[in-house]
Amino acid sequence: EITKSYIDAIPIIRTQLQADAAFIEANDPATTCIEEVIMAYP
């Protein structure tokens, strides 16, 4: 049940993370693209 609930939550978590990455990209003048945020930002 935990496994199913966790897997079911992954699309929601993905949406949250996409919003986080877009917010970082929009507010950091040092980034060149959202892919940089996702791949390189600690």
PDB file of all heavy atoms in Angstrom:
ATOM      1  N   GLU A   1       0.833  -1.208   0.000  1.00  0.00           N
ATOM      2  CA  GLU A   1       0.000   0.000   0.000  1.00  0.00           C
ATOM      3  C   GLU A   1       0.869   1.260   0.000  1.00  0.00           C
ATOM      4  O   GLU A   1       0.562   2.232  -0.688  1.00  0.00           O
ATOM      5  CB  GLU A   1      -0.933   0.008   1.215  1.00  0.00           C
ATOM      6  CG  GLU A   1      -1.980  -1.080   1.182  1.00  0.00           C
ATOM      7  CD  GLU A   1      -2.710  -1.222   2.509  1.00  0.00           C
ATOM      8  OE1 GLU A   1      -2.110  -0.939   3.576  1.00  0.00           O
ATOM      9  OE2 GLU A   1      -3.881  -1.632   2.473  1.00  0.00           O
ATOM     10  N   ILE A   2       1.926   1.243   0.796  1.00  0.00           N
ATOM     11  CA  ILE A   2       2.863   2.369   0.831  1.00  0.00           C
ATOM     12  C   ILE A   2       3.490   2.557  -0.542  1.00  0.00           C
ATOM     13  O   ILE A   2       3.571   3.677  -1.061  1.00  0.00           O
ATOM     14  CB  ILE A   2       3.943   2.163   1.910  1.00  0.00           C
ATOM     15  CG1 ILE A   2       3.318   2.242   3.300  1.00  0.00           C
ATOM     16  CG2 ILE A   2       5.075   3.186   1.767  1.00  0.00           C
ATOM     17  CD1 ILE A   2       4.239   1.826   4.421  1.00  0.00           C
ATOM     18  N   THR A   3       3.929   1.461  -1.143  1.00  0.00           N
ATOM     19  CA  THR A   3       4.556   1.523  -2.465  1.00  0.00           C
ATOM     20  C   THR A   3       3.602   2.108  -3.493  1.00  0.00           C
ATOM     21  O   THR A   3       3.974   3.004  -4.265  1.00  0.00           O
ATOM     22  CB  THR A   3       5.029   0.120  -2.900  1.00  0.00           C
ATOM     23  OG1 THR A   3       5.924  -0.391  -1.911  1.00  0.00           O
ATOM     24  CG2 THR A   3       5.709   0.162  -4.250  1.00  0.00           C
ATOM     25  N   LYS A   4       2.370   1.636  -3.511  1.00  0.00           N
ATOM     26  CA  LYS A   4       1.380   2.152  -4.464  1.00  0.00           C
ATOM     27  C   LYS A   4       1.114   3.636  -4.221  1.00  0.00           C
ATOM     28  O   LYS A   4       1.085   4.432  -5.161  1.00  0.00           O
ATOM     29  CB  LYS A   4       0.078   1.369  -4.383  1.00  0.00           C
ATOM     30  CG  LYS A   4      -0.944   1.861  -5.416  1.00  0.00           C
ATOM     31  CD  LYS A   4      -2.257   1.142  -5.315  1.00  0.00           C
ATOM     32  CE  LYS A   4      -3.299   1.624  -6.293  1.00  0.00           C
ATOM     33  NZ  LYS A   4      -3.213   2.941  -6.828  1.00  0.00           N
ATOM     34  N   SER A   5       0.949   4.017  -2.967  1.00  0.00           N
ATOM     35  CA  SER A   5       0.700   5.428  -2.634  1.00  0.00           C
ATOM     36  C   SER A   5       1.873   6.307  -3.057  1.00  0.00           C
ATOM     37  O   SER A   5       1.682   7.420  -3.562  1.00  0.00           O
ATOM     38  CB  SER A   5       0.444   5.587  -1.136  1.00  0.00           C
ATOM     39  OG  SER A   5      -0.749   4.948  -0.774  1.00  0.00           O
ATOM     40  N   TYR A   6       3.091   5.810  -2.856  1.00  0.00           N
ATOM     41  CA  TYR A   6       4.280   6.578  -3.238  1.00  0.00           C
ATOM     42  C   TYR A   6       4.352   6.734  -4.755  1.00  0.00           C
ATOM     43  O   TYR A   6       4.573   7.839  -5.258  1.00  0.00           O
ATOM     44  CB  TYR A   6       5.534   5.895  -2.689  1.00  0.00           C
ATOM     45  CG  TYR A   6       6.770   6.755  -2.772  1.00  0.00           C
ATOM     46  CD1 TYR A   6       6.874   7.914  -2.023  1.00  0.00           C
ATOM     47  CD2 TYR A   6       7.837   6.401  -3.582  1.00  0.00           C
ATOM     48  CE1 TYR A   6       8.009   8.710  -2.087  1.00  0.00           C
ATOM     49  CE2 TYR A   6       8.978   7.180  -3.645  1.00  0.00           C
ATOM     50  CZ  TYR A   6       9.052   8.339  -2.894  1.00  0.00           C
ATOM     51  OH  TYR A   6      10.177   9.127  -2.953  1.00  0.00           O
ATOM     52  N   ILE A   7       4.133   5.670  -5.465  1.00  0.00           N
ATOM     53  CA  ILE A   7       4.159   5.732  -6.929  1.00  0.00           C
ATOM     54  C   ILE A   7       3.059   6.652  -7.448  1.00  0.00           C
ATOM     55  O   ILE A   7       3.283   7.448  -8.376  1.00  0.00           O
ATOM     56  CB  ILE A   7       4.068   4.319  -7.539  1.00  0.00           C
ATOM     57  CG1 ILE A   7       5.380   3.570  -7.271  1.00  0.00           C
ATOM     58  CG2 ILE A   7       3.771   4.367  -9.036  1.00  0.00           C
ATOM     59  CD1 ILE A   7       5.349   2.091  -7.587  1.00  0.00           C
ATOM     60  N   ASP A   8       1.892   6.587  -6.829  1.00  0.00           N
ATOM     61  CA  ASP A   8       0.796   7.469  -7.225  1.00  0.00           C
ATOM     62  C   ASP A   8       1.117   8.940  -6.976  1.00  0.00           C
ATOM     63  O   ASP A   8       0.600   9.821  -7.661  1.00  0.00           O
ATOM     64  CB  ASP A   8      -0.496   7.098  -6.473  1.00  0.00           C
ATOM     65  CG  ASP A   8      -1.093   5.781  -6.937  1.00  0.00           C
ATOM     66  OD1 ASP A   8      -0.683   5.261  -8.003  1.00  0.00           O
ATOM     67  OD2 ASP A   8      -1.980   5.260  -6.220  1.00  0.00           O
ATOM     68  N   ALA A   9       1.964   9.222  -5.993  1.00  0.00           N
ATOM     69  CA  ALA A   9       2.323  10.600  -5.652  1.00  0.00           C
ATOM     70  C   ALA A   9       3.408  11.181  -6.555  1.00  0.00           C
ATOM     71  O   ALA A   9       3.589  12.403  -6.596  1.00  0.00           O
ATOM     72  CB  ALA A   9       2.781  10.673  -4.202  1.00  0.00           C
ATOM     73  N   ILE A  10       4.108  10.345  -7.296  1.00  0.00           N
ATOM     74  CA  ILE A  10       5.234  10.823  -8.106  1.00  0.00           C
ATOM     75  C   ILE A  10       4.826  11.906  -9.113  1.00  0.00           C
ATOM     76  O   ILE A  10       5.530  12.911  -9.236  1.00  0.00           O
ATOM     77  CB  ILE A  10       5.994   9.645  -8.753  1.00  0.00           C
ATOM     78  CG1 ILE A  10       6.763   8.914  -7.647  1.00  0.00           C
ATOM     79  CG2 ILE A  10       6.933  10.116  -9.861  1.00  0.00           C
ATOM     80  CD1 ILE A  10       7.450   7.649  -8.074  1.00  0.00           C
ATOM     81  N   PRO A  11       3.694  11.798  -9.814  1.00  0.00           N
ATOM     82  CA  PRO A  11       3.312  12.902 -10.717  1.00  0.00           C
ATOM     83  C   PRO A  11       3.104  14.231  -9.988  1.00  0.00           C
ATOM     84  O   PRO A  11       3.452  15.293 -10.519  1.00  0.00           O
ATOM     85  CB  PRO A  11       2.021  12.409 -11.367  1.00  0.00           C
ATOM     86  CG  PRO A  11       2.087  10.922 -11.268  1.00  0.00           C
ATOM     87  CD  PRO A  11       2.804  10.645  -9.971  1.00  0.00           C
ATOM     88  N   ILE A  12       2.582  14.178  -8.783  1.00  0.00           N
ATOM     89  CA  ILE A  12       2.379  15.405  -8.008  1.00  0.00           C
ATOM     90  C   ILE A  12       3.727  15.986  -7.601  1.00  0.00           C
ATOM     91  O   ILE A  12       3.959  17.199  -7.708  1.00  0.00           O
ATOM     92  CB  ILE A  12       1.500  15.116  -6.766  1.00  0.00           C
ATOM     93  CG1 ILE A  12       0.101  14.684  -7.213  1.00  0.00           C
ATOM     94  CG2 ILE A  12       1.430  16.327  -5.835  1.00  0.00           C
ATOM     95  CD1 ILE A  12      -0.708  13.997  -6.140  1.00  0.00           C
ATOM     96  N   ILE A  13       4.634  15.135  -7.138  1.00  0.00           N
ATOM     97  CA  ILE A  13       5.973  15.580  -6.760  1.00  0.00           C
ATOM     98  C   ILE A  13       6.698  16.150  -7.978  1.00  0.00           C
ATOM     99  O   ILE A  13       7.362  17.192  -7.894  1.00  0.00           O
ATOM    100  CB  ILE A  13       6.781  14.429  -6.120  1.00  0.00           C
ATOM    101  CG1 ILE A  13       6.116  13.982  -4.807  1.00  0.00           C
ATOM    102  CG2 ILE A  13       8.231  14.832  -5.877  1.00  0.00           C
ATOM    103  CD1 ILE A  13       6.653  12.683  -4.237  1.00  0.00           C
ATOM    104  N   ARG A  14       6.554  15.503  -9.111  1.00  0.00           N
ATOM    105  CA  ARG A  14       7.173  15.991 -10.351  1.00  0.00           C
ATOM    106  C   ARG A  14       6.678  17.392 -10.696  1.00  0.00           C
ATOM    107  O   ARG A  14       7.464  18.275 -11.046  1.00  0.00           O
ATOM    108  CB  ARG A  14       6.886  15.034 -11.495  1.00  0.00           C
ATOM    109  CG  ARG A  14       7.517  15.462 -12.799  1.00  0.00           C
ATOM    110  CD  ARG A  14       7.286  14.407 -13.887  1.00  0.00           C
ATOM    111  NE  ARG A  14       8.003  14.772 -15.077  1.00  0.00           N
ATOM    112  CZ  ARG A  14       7.413  15.054 -16.229  1.00  0.00           C
ATOM    113  NH1 ARG A  14       6.104  14.982 -16.356  1.00  0.00           N
ATOM    114  NH2 ARG A  14       8.133  15.385 -17.273  1.00  0.00           N
ATOM    115  N   THR A  15       5.373  17.616 -10.560  1.00  0.00           N
ATOM    116  CA  THR A  15       4.799  18.934 -10.834  1.00  0.00           C
ATOM    117  C   THR A  15       5.369  19.978  -9.871  1.00  0.00           C
ATOM    118  O   THR A  15       5.710  21.095 -10.286  1.00  0.00           O
ATOM    119  CB  THR A  15       3.259  18.875 -10.735  1.00  0.00           C
ATOM    120  OG1 THR A  15       2.787  17.959 -11.722  1.00  0.00           O
ATOM    121  CG2 THR A  15       2.628  20.233 -10.949  1.00  0.00           C
ATOM    122  N   GLN A  16       5.482  19.611  -8.577  1.00  0.00           N
ATOM    123  CA  GLN A  16       6.076  20.527  -7.600  1.00  0.00           C
ATOM    124  C   GLN A  16       7.519  20.862  -7.977  1.00  0.00           C
ATOM    125  O   GLN A  16       7.933  22.019  -7.904  1.00  0.00           O
ATOM    126  CB  GLN A  16       6.066  19.900  -6.208  1.00  0.00           C
ATOM    127  CG  GLN A  16       4.719  19.829  -5.553  1.00  0.00           C
ATOM    128  CD  GLN A  16       4.809  19.140  -4.201  1.00  0.00           C
ATOM    129  OE1 GLN A  16       5.398  18.066  -4.074  1.00  0.00           O
ATOM    130  NE2 GLN A  16       4.237  19.768  -3.188  1.00  0.00           N
ATOM    131  N   LEU A  17       8.274  19.845  -8.367  1.00  0.00           N
ATOM    132  CA  LEU A  17       9.680  20.060  -8.716  1.00  0.00           C
ATOM    133  C   LEU A  17       9.824  20.899  -9.985  1.00  0.00           C
ATOM    134  O   LEU A  17      10.730  21.726 -10.080  1.00  0.00           O
ATOM    135  CB  LEU A  17      10.398  18.719  -8.857  1.00  0.00           C
ATOM    136  CG  LEU A  17      10.611  17.978  -7.541  1.00  0.00           C
ATOM    137  CD1 LEU A  17      11.089  16.554  -7.790  1.00  0.00           C
ATOM    138  CD2 LEU A  17      11.583  18.731  -6.643  1.00  0.00           C
ATOM    139  N   GLN A  18       8.926  20.696 -10.943  1.00  0.00           N
ATOM    140  CA  GLN A  18       8.952  21.533 -12.141  1.00  0.00           C
ATOM    141  C   GLN A  18       8.699  22.992 -11.777  1.00  0.00           C
ATOM    142  O   GLN A  18       9.346  23.896 -12.318  1.00  0.00           O
ATOM    143  CB  GLN A  18       7.924  21.045 -13.161  1.00  0.00           C
ATOM    144  CG  GLN A  18       8.332  19.765 -13.854  1.00  0.00           C
ATOM    145  CD  GLN A  18       7.229  19.195 -14.737  1.00  0.00           C
ATOM    146  OE1 GLN A  18       6.056  19.186 -14.371  1.00  0.00           O
ATOM    147  NE2 GLN A  18       7.620  18.712 -15.900  1.00  0.00           N
ATOM    148  N   ALA A  19       7.764  23.230 -10.854  1.00  0.00           N
ATOM    149  CA  ALA A  19       7.484  24.592 -10.405  1.00  0.00           C
ATOM    150  C   ALA A  19       8.683  25.174  -9.653  1.00  0.00           C
ATOM    151  O   ALA A  19       9.028  26.350  -9.836  1.00  0.00           O
ATOM    152  CB  ALA A  19       6.230  24.614  -9.531  1.00  0.00           C
ATOM    153  N   ASP A  20       9.329  24.352  -8.812  1.00  0.00           N
ATOM    154  CA  ASP A  20      10.539  24.810  -8.112  1.00  0.00           C
ATOM    155  C   ASP A  20      11.621  25.207  -9.115  1.00  0.00           C
ATOM    156  O   ASP A  20      12.217  26.280  -9.005  1.00  0.00           O
ATOM    157  CB  ASP A  20      11.090  23.702  -7.202  1.00  0.00           C
ATOM    158  CG  ASP A  20      10.198  23.381  -6.013  1.00  0.00           C
ATOM    159  OD1 ASP A  20       9.537  24.285  -5.482  1.00  0.00           O
ATOM    160  OD2 ASP A  20      10.184  22.196  -5.615  1.00  0.00           O
ATOM    161  N   ALA A  21      11.868  24.348 -10.090  1.00  0.00           N
ATOM    162  CA  ALA A  21      12.912  24.618 -11.089  1.00  0.00           C
ATOM    163  C   ALA A  21      12.593  25.868 -11.899  1.00  0.00           C
ATOM    164  O   ALA A  21      13.480  26.693 -12.150  1.00  0.00           O
ATOM    165  CB  ALA A  21      13.093  23.406 -11.999  1.00  0.00           C
ATOM    166  N   ALA A  22      11.349  26.026 -12.295  1.00  0.00           N
ATOM    167  CA  ALA A  22      10.948  27.214 -13.063  1.00  0.00           C
ATOM    168  C   ALA A  22      11.100  28.482 -12.223  1.00  0.00           C
ATOM    169  O   ALA A  22      11.541  29.526 -12.726  1.00  0.00           O
ATOM    170  CB  ALA A  22       9.508  27.060 -13.553  1.00  0.00           C
ATOM    171  N   PHE A  23      10.779  28.400 -10.936  1.00  0.00           N
ATOM    172  CA  PHE A  23      10.918  29.548 -10.037  1.00  0.00           C
ATOM    173  C   PHE A  23      12.385  29.922  -9.868  1.00  0.00           C
ATOM    174  O   PHE A  23      12.745  31.106  -9.896  1.00  0.00           O
ATOM    175  CB  PHE A  23      10.275  29.215  -8.686  1.00  0.00           C
ATOM    176  CG  PHE A  23      10.236  30.356  -7.715  1.00  0.00           C
ATOM    177  CD1 PHE A  23       9.470  31.484  -7.964  1.00  0.00           C
ATOM    178  CD2 PHE A  23      10.946  30.293  -6.525  1.00  0.00           C
ATOM    179  CE1 PHE A  23       9.417  32.538  -7.051  1.00  0.00           C
ATOM    180  CE2 PHE A  23      10.905  31.331  -5.610  1.00  0.00           C
ATOM    181  CZ  PHE A  23      10.137  32.453  -5.873  1.00  0.00           C
ATOM    182  N   ILE A  24      13.229  28.920  -9.716  1.00  0.00           N
ATOM    183  CA  ILE A  24      14.666  29.181  -9.602  1.00  0.00           C
ATOM    184  C   ILE A  24      15.182  29.821 -10.883  1.00  0.00           C
ATOM    185  O   ILE A  24      15.879  30.840 -10.850  1.00  0.00           O
ATOM    186  CB  ILE A  24      15.433  27.876  -9.286  1.00  0.00           C
ATOM    187  CG1 ILE A  24      15.059  27.365  -7.890  1.00  0.00           C
ATOM    188  CG2 ILE A  24      16.949  28.087  -9.412  1.00  0.00           C
ATOM    189  CD1 ILE A  24      15.535  25.946  -7.583  1.00  0.00           C
ATOM    190  N   GLU A  25      14.830  29.237 -12.015  1.00  0.00           N
ATOM    191  CA  GLU A  25      15.295  29.761 -13.311  1.00  0.00           C
ATOM    192  C   GLU A  25      14.816  31.196 -13.527  1.00  0.00           C
ATOM    193  O   GLU A  25      15.563  32.047 -14.003  1.00  0.00           O
ATOM    194  CB  GLU A  25      14.810  28.841 -14.433  1.00  0.00           C
ATOM    195  CG  GLU A  25      15.524  29.035 -15.751  1.00  0.00           C
ATOM    196  CD  GLU A  25      14.849  30.050 -16.656  1.00  0.00           C
ATOM    197  OE1 GLU A  25      13.632  30.251 -16.522  1.00  0.00           O
ATOM    198  OE2 GLU A  25      15.550  30.645 -17.493  1.00  0.00           O
ATOM    199  N   ALA A  26      13.595  31.494 -13.134  1.00  0.00           N
ATOM    200  CA  ALA A  26      13.037  32.842 -13.331  1.00  0.00           C
ATOM    201  C   ALA A  26      13.667  33.876 -12.400  1.00  0.00           C
ATOM    202  O   ALA A  26      13.670  35.066 -12.707  1.00  0.00           O
ATOM    203  CB  ALA A  26      11.526  32.809 -13.107  1.00  0.00           C
ATOM    204  N   ASN A  27      14.225  33.429 -11.268  1.00  0.00           N
ATOM    205  CA  ASN A  27      14.732  34.367 -10.268  1.00  0.00           C
ATOM    206  C   ASN A  27      16.240  34.406 -10.122  1.00  0.00           C
ATOM    207  O   ASN A  27      16.750  35.191  -9.335  1.00  0.00           O
ATOM    208  CB  ASN A  27      14.095  34.047  -8.908  1.00  0.00           C
ATOM    209  CG  ASN A  27      12.663  34.485  -8.855  1.00  0.00           C
ATOM    210  OD1 ASN A  27      12.379  35.663  -8.664  1.00  0.00           O
ATOM    211  ND2 ASN A  27      11.738  33.567  -9.065  1.00  0.00           N
ATOM    212  N   ASP A  28      16.953  33.566 -10.856  1.00  0.00           N
ATOM    213  CA  ASP A  28      18.411  33.568 -10.767  1.00  0.00           C
ATOM    214  C   ASP A  28      19.002  34.069 -12.080  1.00  0.00           C
ATOM    215  O   ASP A  28      18.965  33.356 -13.085  1.00  0.00           O
ATOM    216  CB  ASP A  28      18.931  32.166 -10.457  1.00  0.00           C
ATOM    217  CG  ASP A  28      20.429  32.158 -10.183  1.00  0.00           C
ATOM    218  OD1 ASP A  28      21.091  33.206 -10.367  1.00  0.00           O
ATOM    219  OD2 ASP A  28      20.938  31.103  -9.786  1.00  0.00           O
ATOM    220  N   PRO A  29      19.546  35.277 -12.081  1.00  0.00           N
ATOM    221  CA  PRO A  29      20.113  35.809 -13.319  1.00  0.00           C
ATOM    222  C   PRO A  29      21.330  35.032 -13.816  1.00  0.00           C
ATOM    223  O   PRO A  29      21.721  35.165 -14.977  1.00  0.00           O
ATOM    224  CB  PRO A  29      20.492  37.248 -12.966  1.00  0.00           C
ATOM    225  CG  PRO A  29      20.560  37.296 -11.487  1.00  0.00           C
ATOM    226  CD  PRO A  29      19.649  36.223 -10.970  1.00  0.00           C
ATOM    227  N   ALA A  30      21.917  34.184 -12.958  1.00  0.00           N
ATOM    228  CA  ALA A  30      23.107  33.431 -13.359  1.00  0.00           C
ATOM    229  C   ALA A  30      22.784  32.193 -14.182  1.00  0.00           C
ATOM    230  O   ALA A  30      23.668  31.636 -14.826  1.00  0.00           O
ATOM    231  CB  ALA A  30      23.902  33.020 -12.119  1.00  0.00           C
ATOM    232  N   THR A  31      21.542  31.732 -14.161  1.00  0.00           N
ATOM    233  CA  THR A  31      21.215  30.517 -14.904  1.00  0.00           C
ATOM    234  C   THR A  31      20.885  30.839 -16.354  1.00  0.00           C
ATOM    235  O   THR A  31      20.392  31.910 -16.673  1.00  0.00           O
ATOM    236  CB  THR A  31      20.060  29.729 -14.247  1.00  0.00           C
ATOM    237  OG1 THR A  31      19.925  28.481 -14.918  1.00  0.00           O
ATOM    238  CG2 THR A  31      18.756  30.470 -14.326  1.00  0.00           C
ATOM    239  N   THR A  32      21.183  29.890 -17.208  1.00  0.00           N
ATOM    240  CA  THR A  32      20.912  30.083 -18.635  1.00  0.00           C
ATOM    241  C   THR A  32      19.677  29.330 -19.103  1.00  0.00           C
ATOM    242  O   THR A  32      19.119  29.648 -20.146  1.00  0.00           O
ATOM    243  CB  THR A  32      22.124  29.624 -19.475  1.00  0.00           C
ATOM    244  OG1 THR A  32      22.394  28.244 -19.186  1.00  0.00           O
ATOM    245  CG2 THR A  32      23.352  30.468 -19.155  1.00  0.00           C
ATOM    246  N   CYS A  33      19.245  28.309 -18.325  1.00  0.00           N
ATOM    247  CA  CYS A  33      18.079  27.523 -18.728  1.00  0.00           C
ATOM    248  C   CYS A  33      17.622  26.647 -17.571  1.00  0.00           C
ATOM    249  O   CYS A  33      18.360  26.413 -16.625  1.00  0.00           O
ATOM    250  CB  CYS A  33      18.402  26.656 -19.944  1.00  0.00           C
ATOM    251  SG  CYS A  33      19.713  25.456 -19.662  1.00  0.00           S
ATOM    252  N   ILE A  34      16.404  26.165 -17.678  1.00  0.00           N
ATOM    253  CA  ILE A  34      15.838  25.327 -16.614  1.00  0.00           C
ATOM    254  C   ILE A  34      16.588  24.003 -16.488  1.00  0.00           C
ATOM    255  O   ILE A  34      16.715  23.448 -15.400  1.00  0.00           O
ATOM    256  CB  ILE A  34      14.321  25.130 -16.821  1.00  0.00           C
ATOM    257  CG1 ILE A  34      13.674  24.660 -15.510  1.00  0.00           C
ATOM    258  CG2 ILE A  34      14.043  24.183 -17.969  1.00  0.00           C
ATOM    259  CD1 ILE A  34      12.171  24.779 -15.500  1.00  0.00           C
ATOM    260  N   GLU A  35      17.122  23.501 -17.597  1.00  0.00           N
ATOM    261  CA  GLU A  35      17.893  22.254 -17.554  1.00  0.00           C
ATOM    262  C   GLU A  35      19.131  22.406 -16.672  1.00  0.00           C
ATOM    263  O   GLU A  35      19.515  21.474 -15.962  1.00  0.00           O
ATOM    264  CB  GLU A  35      18.288  21.810 -18.965  1.00  0.00           C
ATOM    265  CG  GLU A  35      17.126  21.374 -19.823  1.00  0.00           C
ATOM    266  CD  GLU A  35      16.353  22.531 -20.485  1.00  0.00           C
ATOM    267  OE1 GLU A  35      16.802  23.700 -20.413  1.00  0.00           O
ATOM    268  OE2 GLU A  35      15.288  22.247 -21.067  1.00  0.00           O
ATOM    269  N   GLU A  36      19.746  23.589 -16.701  1.00  0.00           N
ATOM    270  CA  GLU A  36      20.895  23.854 -15.841  1.00  0.00           C
ATOM    271  C   GLU A  36      20.494  23.757 -14.369  1.00  0.00           C
ATOM    272  O   GLU A  36      21.211  23.165 -13.557  1.00  0.00           O
ATOM    273  CB  GLU A  36      21.460  25.241 -16.145  1.00  0.00           C
ATOM    274  CG  GLU A  36      22.647  25.615 -15.283  1.00  0.00           C
ATOM    275  CD  GLU A  36      23.159  27.019 -15.556  1.00  0.00           C
ATOM    276  OE1 GLU A  36      22.497  27.799 -16.271  1.00  0.00           O
ATOM    277  OE2 GLU A  36      24.227  27.338 -15.020  1.00  0.00           O
ATOM    278  N   VAL A  37      19.343  24.308 -14.028  1.00  0.00           N
ATOM    279  CA  VAL A  37      18.842  24.248 -12.656  1.00  0.00           C
ATOM    280  C   VAL A  37      18.674  22.794 -12.230  1.00  0.00           C
ATOM    281  O   VAL A  37      19.142  22.372 -11.172  1.00  0.00           O
ATOM    282  CB  VAL A  37      17.502  25.012 -12.523  1.00  0.00           C
ATOM    283  CG1 VAL A  37      16.863  24.755 -11.159  1.00  0.00           C
ATOM    284  CG2 VAL A  37      17.700  26.498 -12.760  1.00  0.00           C
ATOM    285  N   ILE A  38      18.005  22.012 -13.065  1.00  0.00           N
ATOM    286  CA  ILE A  38      17.698  20.620 -12.732  1.00  0.00           C
ATOM    287  C   ILE A  38      18.962  19.772 -12.633  1.00  0.00           C
ATOM    288  O   ILE A  38      19.095  18.939 -11.734  1.00  0.00           O
ATOM    289  CB  ILE A  38      16.708  20.032 -13.762  1.00  0.00           C
ATOM    290  CG1 ILE A  38      15.342  20.737 -13.619  1.00  0.00           C
ATOM    291  CG2 ILE A  38      16.568  18.527 -13.602  1.00  0.00           C
ATOM    292  CD1 ILE A  38      14.383  20.472 -14.761  1.00  0.00           C
ATOM    293  N   MET A  39      19.899  19.992 -13.515  1.00  0.00           N
ATOM    294  CA  MET A  39      21.085  19.135 -13.585  1.00  0.00           C
ATOM    295  C   MET A  39      22.247  19.594 -12.695  1.00  0.00           C
ATOM    296  O   MET A  39      23.080  18.765 -12.315  1.00  0.00           O
ATOM    297  CB  MET A  39      21.580  19.045 -15.034  1.00  0.00           C
ATOM    298  CG  MET A  39      20.561  18.440 -15.990  1.00  0.00           C
ATOM    299  SD  MET A  39      20.061  16.764 -15.566  1.00  0.00           S
ATOM    300  CE  MET A  39      21.573  15.889 -15.845  1.00  0.00           C
ATOM    301  N   ALA A  40      22.321  20.889 -12.365  1.00  0.00           N
ATOM    302  CA  ALA A  40      23.544  21.384 -11.741  1.00  0.00           C
ATOM    303  C   ALA A  40      23.366  22.158 -10.439  1.00  0.00           C
ATOM    304  O   ALA A  40      24.360  22.434  -9.777  1.00  0.00           O
ATOM    305  CB  ALA A  40      24.296  22.268 -12.747  1.00  0.00           C
ATOM    306  N   TYR A  41      22.165  22.507 -10.056  1.00  0.00           N
ATOM    307  CA  TYR A  41      21.988  23.343  -8.872  1.00  0.00           C
ATOM    308  C   TYR A  41      21.853  22.496  -7.607  1.00  0.00           C
ATOM    309  O   TYR A  41      20.908  21.727  -7.473  1.00  0.00           O
ATOM    310  CB  TYR A  41      20.749  24.229  -9.025  1.00  0.00           C
ATOM    311  CG  TYR A  41      21.023  25.535  -9.743  1.00  0.00           C
ATOM    312  CD1 TYR A  41      21.736  25.572 -10.927  1.00  0.00           C
ATOM    313  CD2 TYR A  41      20.563  26.727  -9.234  1.00  0.00           C
ATOM    314  CE1 TYR A  41      21.988  26.755 -11.585  1.00  0.00           C
ATOM    315  CE2 TYR A  41      20.798  27.926  -9.873  1.00  0.00           C
ATOM    316  CZ  TYR A  41      21.516  27.947 -11.042  1.00  0.00           C
ATOM    317  OH  TYR A  41      21.758  29.127 -11.683  1.00  0.00           O
ATOM    318  N   PRO A  42      22.774  22.647  -6.650  1.00  0.00           N
ATOM    319  CA  PRO A  42      22.663  21.874  -5.417  1.00  0.00           C
ATOM    320  C   PRO A  42      21.392  22.209  -4.628  1.00  0.00           C
ATOM    321  O   PRO A  42      20.828  21.341  -3.965  1.00  0.00           O
ATOM    322  CB  PRO A  42      23.922  22.233  -4.632  1.00  0.00           C
ATOM    323  CG  PRO A  42      24.451  23.457  -5.263  1.00  0.00           C
ATOM    324  CD  PRO A  42      23.959  23.494  -6.671  1.00  0.00           C
TER     325      PRO A  42
END
